[in-house]
Amino acid sequence: MEKLTKTNPNLYYSSTTEIAHALFPFIKEHMNRMPVDEQALFRNITVRDIEMLLSFR
């Protein structure tokens, strides 16, 4: 999130849906840098899954 808000400061004020749509490609792009167990968790994640996870914060 920190990297995304640096490139898009308005993201802080965006809706959960907009944030999820911004996070999705970022996660997919950086997945190869994650530990293998985390890659397994995020391999099949969807934008809707991200929205749900963000709603718990």
PDB file of N, CA and C in Angstrom:
ATOM      1  N   MET A   1       0.820  -1.181   0.000  1.00  0.00           N
ATOM      2  CA  MET A   1       0.000   0.000   0.000  1.00  0.00           C
ATOM      3  C   MET A   1       0.869   1.252   0.000  1.00  0.00           C
ATOM      4  N   GLU A   2       1.942   1.191   0.758  1.00  0.00           N
ATOM      5  CA  GLU A   2       2.818   2.357   0.861  1.00  0.00           C
ATOM      6  C   GLU A   2       3.370   2.760  -0.506  1.00  0.00           C
ATOM      7  N   LYS A   3       3.817   1.770  -1.281  1.00  0.00           N
ATOM      8  CA  LYS A   3       4.355   2.068  -2.609  1.00  0.00           C
ATOM      9  C   LYS A   3       3.276   2.633  -3.525  1.00  0.00           C
ATOM     10  N   LEU A   4       2.082   2.088  -3.433  1.00  0.00           N
ATOM     11  CA  LEU A   4       0.997   2.567  -4.280  1.00  0.00           C
ATOM     12  C   LEU A   4       0.580   3.991  -3.929  1.00  0.00           C
ATOM     13  N   THR A   5       0.542   4.312  -2.644  1.00  0.00           N
ATOM     14  CA  THR A   5       0.135   5.665  -2.267  1.00  0.00           C
ATOM     15  C   THR A   5       1.210   6.695  -2.599  1.00  0.00           C
ATOM     16  N   LYS A   6       2.452   6.261  -2.698  1.00  0.00           N
ATOM     17  CA  LYS A   6       3.505   7.190  -3.128  1.00  0.00           C
ATOM     18  C   LYS A   6       3.321   7.571  -4.594  1.00  0.00           C
ATOM     19  N   THR A   7       2.918   6.600  -5.414  1.00  0.00           N
ATOM     20  CA  THR A   7       2.722   6.883  -6.830  1.00  0.00           C
ATOM     21  C   THR A   7       1.357   7.503  -7.099  1.00  0.00           C
ATOM     22  N   ASN A   8       0.403   7.265  -6.197  1.00  0.00           N
ATOM     23  CA  ASN A   8      -0.940   7.811  -6.351  1.00  0.00           C
ATOM     24  C   ASN A   8      -1.459   8.265  -4.990  1.00  0.00           C
ATOM     25  N   PRO A   9      -1.105   9.478  -4.558  1.00  0.00           N
ATOM     26  CA  PRO A   9      -1.496   9.961  -3.226  1.00  0.00           C
ATOM     27  C   PRO A   9      -3.001   9.999  -2.993  1.00  0.00           C
ATOM     28  N   ASN A  10      -3.782  10.150  -4.038  1.00  0.00           N
ATOM     29  CA  ASN A  10      -5.240  10.193  -3.896  1.00  0.00           C
ATOM     30  C   ASN A  10      -5.842   8.830  -3.567  1.00  0.00           C
ATOM     31  N   LEU A  11      -5.053   7.790  -3.685  1.00  0.00           N
ATOM     32  CA  LEU A  11      -5.533   6.446  -3.389  1.00  0.00           C
ATOM     33  C   LEU A  11      -5.992   6.346  -1.935  1.00  0.00           C
ATOM     34  N   TYR A  12      -5.396   7.126  -1.074  1.00  0.00           N
ATOM     35  CA  TYR A  12      -5.768   7.122   0.348  1.00  0.00           C
ATOM     36  C   TYR A  12      -7.248   7.441   0.532  1.00  0.00           C
ATOM     37  N   TYR A  13      -7.782   8.278  -0.330  1.00  0.00           N
ATOM     38  CA  TYR A  13      -9.176   8.709  -0.225  1.00  0.00           C
ATOM     39  C   TYR A  13     -10.108   7.917  -1.148  1.00  0.00           C
ATOM     40  N   SER A  14      -9.591   6.917  -1.811  1.00  0.00           N
ATOM     41  CA  SER A  14     -10.373   6.134  -2.766  1.00  0.00           C
ATOM     42  C   SER A  14     -11.239   5.097  -2.062  1.00  0.00           C
ATOM     43  N   SER A  15     -12.180   4.590  -2.811  1.00  0.00           N
ATOM     44  CA  SER A  15     -13.049   3.544  -2.278  1.00  0.00           C
ATOM     45  C   SER A  15     -12.278   2.225  -2.177  1.00  0.00           C
ATOM     46  N   THR A  16     -12.814   1.318  -1.411  1.00  0.00           N
ATOM     47  CA  THR A  16     -12.201  -0.012  -1.267  1.00  0.00           C
ATOM     48  C   THR A  16     -12.087  -0.693  -2.621  1.00  0.00           C
ATOM     49  N   THR A  17     -13.089  -0.530  -3.453  1.00  0.00           N
ATOM     50  CA  THR A  17     -13.080  -1.148  -4.782  1.00  0.00           C
ATOM     51  C   THR A  17     -11.934  -0.601  -5.631  1.00  0.00           C
ATOM     52  N   GLU A  18     -11.747   0.701  -5.604  1.00  0.00           N
ATOM     53  CA  GLU A  18     -10.660   1.315  -6.378  1.00  0.00           C
ATOM     54  C   GLU A  18      -9.299   0.863  -5.861  1.00  0.00           C
ATOM     55  N   ILE A  19      -9.160   0.776  -4.567  1.00  0.00           N
ATOM     56  CA  ILE A  19      -7.896   0.316  -3.982  1.00  0.00           C
ATOM     57  C   ILE A  19      -7.635  -1.131  -4.360  1.00  0.00           C
ATOM     58  N   ALA A  20      -8.660  -1.960  -4.297  1.00  0.00           N
ATOM     59  CA  ALA A  20      -8.510  -3.373  -4.673  1.00  0.00           C
ATOM     60  C   ALA A  20      -8.077  -3.514  -6.126  1.00  0.00           C
ATOM     61  N   HIS A  21      -8.658  -2.691  -6.993  1.00  0.00           N
ATOM     62  CA  HIS A  21      -8.284  -2.729  -8.417  1.00  0.00           C
ATOM     63  C   HIS A  21      -6.849  -2.248  -8.630  1.00  0.00           C
ATOM     64  N   ALA A  22      -6.374  -1.359  -7.794  1.00  0.00           N
ATOM     65  CA  ALA A  22      -4.981  -0.897  -7.890  1.00  0.00           C
ATOM     66  C   ALA A  22      -4.027  -1.942  -7.315  1.00  0.00           C
ATOM     67  N   LEU A  23      -4.441  -2.603  -6.250  1.00  0.00           N
ATOM     68  CA  LEU A  23      -3.584  -3.599  -5.605  1.00  0.00           C
ATOM     69  C   LEU A  23      -3.433  -4.878  -6.425  1.00  0.00           C
ATOM     70  N   PHE A  24      -4.484  -5.276  -7.102  1.00  0.00           N
ATOM     71  CA  PHE A  24      -4.471  -6.548  -7.823  1.00  0.00           C
ATOM     72  C   PHE A  24      -3.288  -6.685  -8.788  1.00  0.00           C
ATOM     73  N   PRO A  25      -3.091  -5.759  -9.727  1.00  0.00           N
ATOM     74  CA  PRO A  25      -1.942  -5.917 -10.632  1.00  0.00           C
ATOM     75  C   PRO A  25      -0.606  -5.798  -9.896  1.00  0.00           C
ATOM     76  N   PHE A  26      -0.567  -4.977  -8.853  1.00  0.00           N
ATOM     77  CA  PHE A  26       0.655  -4.824  -8.067  1.00  0.00           C
ATOM     78  C   PHE A  26       1.030  -6.157  -7.409  1.00  0.00           C
ATOM     79  N   ILE A  27       0.053  -6.841  -6.848  1.00  0.00           N
ATOM     80  CA  ILE A  27       0.297  -8.150  -6.218  1.00  0.00           C
ATOM     81  C   ILE A  27       0.771  -9.147  -7.259  1.00  0.00           C
ATOM     82  N   LYS A  28       0.084  -9.209  -8.380  1.00  0.00           N
ATOM     83  CA  LYS A  28       0.458 -10.170  -9.431  1.00  0.00           C
ATOM     84  C   LYS A  28       1.863  -9.890  -9.970  1.00  0.00           C
ATOM     85  N   GLU A  29       2.196  -8.618 -10.112  1.00  0.00           N
ATOM     86  CA  GLU A  29       3.510  -8.231 -10.634  1.00  0.00           C
ATOM     87  C   GLU A  29       4.642  -8.599  -9.681  1.00  0.00           C
ATOM     88  N   HIS A  30       4.400  -8.491  -8.387  1.00  0.00           N
ATOM     89  CA  HIS A  30       5.445  -8.714  -7.390  1.00  0.00           C
ATOM     90  C   HIS A  30       5.369 -10.086  -6.703  1.00  0.00           C
ATOM     91  N   MET A  31       4.520 -10.942  -7.194  1.00  0.00           N
ATOM     92  CA  MET A  31       4.330 -12.230  -6.541  1.00  0.00           C
ATOM     93  C   MET A  31       5.608 -13.071  -6.528  1.00  0.00           C
ATOM     94  N   ASN A  32       6.424 -12.968  -7.553  1.00  0.00           N
ATOM     95  CA  ASN A  32       7.650 -13.772  -7.599  1.00  0.00           C
ATOM     96  C   ASN A  32       8.671 -13.362  -6.537  1.00  0.00           C
ATOM     97  N   ARG A  33       8.464 -12.213  -5.900  1.00  0.00           N
ATOM     98  CA  ARG A  33       9.357 -11.754  -4.833  1.00  0.00           C
ATOM     99  C   ARG A  33       8.897 -12.228  -3.450  1.00  0.00           C
ATOM    100  N   MET A  34       7.714 -12.806  -3.392  1.00  0.00           N
ATOM    101  CA  MET A  34       7.159 -13.282  -2.124  1.00  0.00           C
ATOM    102  C   MET A  34       7.710 -14.664  -1.793  1.00  0.00           C
ATOM    103  N   PRO A  35       7.728 -14.992  -0.507  1.00  0.00           N
ATOM    104  CA  PRO A  35       8.072 -16.366  -0.128  1.00  0.00           C
ATOM    105  C   PRO A  35       7.062 -17.338  -0.746  1.00  0.00           C
ATOM    106  N   VAL A  36       7.470 -18.566  -0.951  1.00  0.00           N
ATOM    107  CA  VAL A  36       6.646 -19.563  -1.630  1.00  0.00           C
ATOM    108  C   VAL A  36       5.291 -19.747  -0.948  1.00  0.00           C
ATOM    109  N   ASP A  37       5.272 -19.771   0.384  1.00  0.00           N
ATOM    110  CA  ASP A  37       4.000 -19.966   1.072  1.00  0.00           C
ATOM    111  C   ASP A  37       3.045 -18.794   0.838  1.00  0.00           C
ATOM    112  N   GLU A  38       3.569 -17.579   0.740  1.00  0.00           N
ATOM    113  CA  GLU A  38       2.725 -16.425   0.446  1.00  0.00           C
ATOM    114  C   GLU A  38       2.265 -16.437  -1.010  1.00  0.00           C
ATOM    115  N   GLN A  39       3.122 -16.903  -1.903  1.00  0.00           N
ATOM    116  CA  GLN A  39       2.725 -17.024  -3.302  1.00  0.00           C
ATOM    117  C   GLN A  39       1.519 -17.941  -3.428  1.00  0.00           C
ATOM    118  N   ALA A  40       1.520 -19.024  -2.674  1.00  0.00           N
ATOM    119  CA  ALA A  40       0.399 -19.963  -2.712  1.00  0.00           C
ATOM    120  C   ALA A  40      -0.890 -19.291  -2.243  1.00  0.00           C
ATOM    121  N   LEU A  41      -0.788 -18.409  -1.260  1.00  0.00           N
ATOM    122  CA  LEU A  41      -1.968 -17.706  -0.757  1.00  0.00           C
ATOM    123  C   LEU A  41      -2.535 -16.736  -1.788  1.00  0.00           C
ATOM    124  N   PHE A  42      -1.660 -16.087  -2.531  1.00  0.00           N
ATOM    125  CA  PHE A  42      -2.087 -15.040  -3.461  1.00  0.00           C
ATOM    126  C   PHE A  42      -2.260 -15.511  -4.898  1.00  0.00           C
ATOM    127  N   ARG A  43      -1.900 -16.740  -5.194  1.00  0.00           N
ATOM    128  CA  ARG A  43      -1.928 -17.225  -6.576  1.00  0.00           C
ATOM    129  C   ARG A  43      -3.303 -17.057  -7.222  1.00  0.00           C
ATOM    130  N   ASN A  44      -4.354 -17.396  -6.514  1.00  0.00           N
ATOM    131  CA  ASN A  44      -5.706 -17.352  -7.090  1.00  0.00           C
ATOM    132  C   ASN A  44      -6.564 -16.214  -6.539  1.00  0.00           C
ATOM    133  N   ILE A  45      -5.937 -15.216  -5.978  1.00  0.00           N
ATOM    134  CA  ILE A  45      -6.690 -14.107  -5.385  1.00  0.00           C
ATOM    135  C   ILE A  45      -7.392 -13.299  -6.476  1.00  0.00           C
ATOM    136  N   THR A  46      -8.561 -12.800  -6.145  1.00  0.00           N
ATOM    137  CA  THR A  46      -9.324 -11.968  -7.075  1.00  0.00           C
ATOM    138  C   THR A  46      -9.445 -10.561  -6.491  1.00  0.00           C
ATOM    139  N   VAL A  47      -9.911  -9.648  -7.319  1.00  0.00           N
ATOM    140  CA  VAL A  47     -10.133  -8.278  -6.854  1.00  0.00           C
ATOM    141  C   VAL A  47     -11.159  -8.295  -5.727  1.00  0.00           C
ATOM    142  N   ARG A  48     -12.174  -9.106  -5.858  1.00  0.00           N
ATOM    143  CA  ARG A  48     -13.213  -9.206  -4.819  1.00  0.00           C
ATOM    144  C   ARG A  48     -12.616  -9.716  -3.505  1.00  0.00           C
ATOM    145  N   ASP A  49     -11.699 -10.688  -3.583  1.00  0.00           N
ATOM    146  CA  ASP A  49     -11.027 -11.184  -2.377  1.00  0.00           C
ATOM    147  C   ASP A  49     -10.268 -10.051  -1.686  1.00  0.00           C
ATOM    148  N   ILE A  50      -9.589  -9.238  -2.470  1.00  0.00           N
ATOM    149  CA  ILE A  50      -8.830  -8.114  -1.918  1.00  0.00           C
ATOM    150  C   ILE A  50      -9.781  -7.122  -1.251  1.00  0.00           C
ATOM    151  N   GLU A  51     -10.907  -6.856  -1.903  1.00  0.00           N
ATOM    152  CA  GLU A  51     -11.903  -5.962  -1.303  1.00  0.00           C
ATOM    153  C   GLU A  51     -12.351  -6.481   0.062  1.00  0.00           C
ATOM    154  N   MET A  52     -12.608  -7.764   0.134  1.00  0.00           N
ATOM    155  CA  MET A  52     -13.066  -8.356   1.388  1.00  0.00           C
ATOM    156  C   MET A  52     -11.976  -8.250   2.461  1.00  0.00           C
ATOM    157  N   LEU A  53     -10.741  -8.519   2.093  1.00  0.00           N
ATOM    158  CA  LEU A  53      -9.642  -8.408   3.061  1.00  0.00           C
ATOM    159  C   LEU A  53      -9.469  -6.972   3.548  1.00  0.00           C
ATOM    160  N   LEU A  54      -9.598  -6.022   2.649  1.00  0.00           N
ATOM    161  CA  LEU A  54      -9.467  -4.608   3.027  1.00  0.00           C
ATOM    162  C   LEU A  54     -10.603  -4.164   3.949  1.00  0.00           C
ATOM    163  N   SER A  55     -11.754  -4.754   3.786  1.00  0.00           N
ATOM    164  CA  SER A  55     -12.888  -4.339   4.613  1.00  0.00           C
ATOM    165  C   SER A  55     -12.713  -4.732   6.075  1.00  0.00           C
ATOM    166  N   PHE A  56     -11.828  -5.672   6.345  1.00  0.00           N
ATOM    167  CA  PHE A  56     -11.572  -6.083   7.718  1.00  0.00           C
ATOM    168  C   PHE A  56     -10.619  -5.140   8.434  1.00  0.00           C
ATOM    169  N   ARG A  57      -9.952  -4.263   7.732  1.00  0.00           N
ATOM    170  CA  ARG A  57      -8.989  -3.336   8.339  1.00  0.00           C
ATOM    171  C   ARG A  57      -9.644  -2.141   8.887  1.00  0.00           C
TER     172      ARG A  57
END
